[in-house]
């Protein structure tokens, strides 16, 4: 009986932790993509125009 009680308590906690980690990774990727595009645009303006 004790094992089932622990599984019921810890499963949602692990699911929430995994969800937060995935969201943080996705946010970091979006920021890095925006910064890369900004760098490319700045370099194009500086050297092409």
C-alpha atoms as a PDB file:
ATOM      1  CA  UNK A   1       0.000   0.000   0.000  1.00  0.00           C
ATOM      2  CA  UNK A   2       2.845   2.400   0.718  1.00  0.00           C
ATOM      3  CA  UNK A   3       4.295   2.112  -2.790  1.00  0.00           C
ATOM      4  CA  UNK A   4       1.015   3.099  -4.451  1.00  0.00           C
ATOM      5  CA  UNK A   5       0.718   6.143  -2.186  1.00  0.00           C
ATOM      6  CA  UNK A   6       4.242   7.313  -3.075  1.00  0.00           C
ATOM      7  CA  UNK A   7       3.606   6.844  -6.794  1.00  0.00           C
ATOM      8  CA  UNK A   8       0.422   8.913  -6.608  1.00  0.00           C
ATOM      9  CA  UNK A   9       2.233  11.742  -4.819  1.00  0.00           C
ATOM     10  CA  UNK A  10       5.490  11.858  -6.822  1.00  0.00           C
ATOM     11  CA  UNK A  11       4.181  11.348 -10.371  1.00  0.00           C
ATOM     12  CA  UNK A  12       2.594  14.833 -10.726  1.00  0.00           C
ATOM     13  CA  UNK A  13       5.666  16.438  -9.156  1.00  0.00           C
ATOM     14  CA  UNK A  14       7.968  14.828 -11.732  1.00  0.00           C
ATOM     15  CA  UNK A  15       5.583  15.750 -14.547  1.00  0.00           C
ATOM     16  CA  UNK A  16       5.609  19.408 -13.481  1.00  0.00           C
ATOM     17  CA  UNK A  17       9.403  19.466 -13.241  1.00  0.00           C
ATOM     18  CA  UNK A  18       9.761  18.012 -16.733  1.00  0.00           C
ATOM     19  CA  UNK A  19       7.233  20.542 -18.070  1.00  0.00           C
ATOM     20  CA  UNK A  20       9.129  23.494 -16.601  1.00  0.00           C
ATOM     21  CA  UNK A  21      12.423  22.219 -18.015  1.00  0.00           C
ATOM     22  CA  UNK A  22      10.919  21.845 -21.504  1.00  0.00           C
ATOM     23  CA  UNK A  23       9.416  25.347 -21.381  1.00  0.00           C
ATOM     24  CA  UNK A  24      12.735  26.876 -20.332  1.00  0.00           C
ATOM     25  CA  UNK A  25      14.550  25.135 -23.182  1.00  0.00           C
ATOM     26  CA  UNK A  26      11.976  26.345 -25.705  1.00  0.00           C
ATOM     27  CA  UNK A  27      12.193  29.934 -24.440  1.00  0.00           C
ATOM     28  CA  UNK A  28      15.995  29.911 -24.661  1.00  0.00           C
ATOM     29  CA  UNK A  29      15.867  28.625 -28.230  1.00  0.00           C
ATOM     30  CA  UNK A  30      13.472  31.385 -29.254  1.00  0.00           C
ATOM     31  CA  UNK A  31      15.699  34.040 -27.732  1.00  0.00           C
ATOM     32  CA  UNK A  32      18.815  32.688 -29.379  1.00  0.00           C
ATOM     33  CA  UNK A  33      17.087  32.534 -32.772  1.00  0.00           C
ATOM     34  CA  UNK A  34      15.987  36.159 -32.441  1.00  0.00           C
ATOM     35  CA  UNK A  35      19.476  37.266 -31.469  1.00  0.00           C
ATOM     36  CA  UNK A  36      20.999  35.378 -34.414  1.00  0.00           C
ATOM     37  CA  UNK A  37      18.601  37.016 -36.874  1.00  0.00           C
ATOM     38  CA  UNK A  38      19.363  40.413 -35.366  1.00  0.00           C
ATOM     39  CA  UNK A  39      23.107  39.826 -35.763  1.00  0.00           C
ATOM     40  CA  UNK A  40      22.646  38.798 -39.397  1.00  0.00           C
ATOM     41  CA  UNK A  41      20.562  41.897 -40.120  1.00  0.00           C
ATOM     42  CA  UNK A  42      23.105  44.169 -38.449  1.00  0.00           C
ATOM     43  CA  UNK A  43      25.965  42.637 -40.425  1.00  0.00           C
ATOM     44  CA  UNK A  44      24.044  42.960 -43.688  1.00  0.00           C
ATOM     45  CA  UNK A  45      23.347  46.627 -43.022  1.00  0.00           C
ATOM     46  CA  UNK A  46      26.958  47.273 -42.073  1.00  0.00           C
ATOM     47  CA  UNK A  47      28.723  45.525 -44.943  1.00  0.00           C
ATOM     48  CA  UNK A  48      26.241  45.437 -47.830  1.00  0.00           C
ATOM     49  CA  UNK A  49      24.640  48.878 -47.738  1.00  0.00           C
END
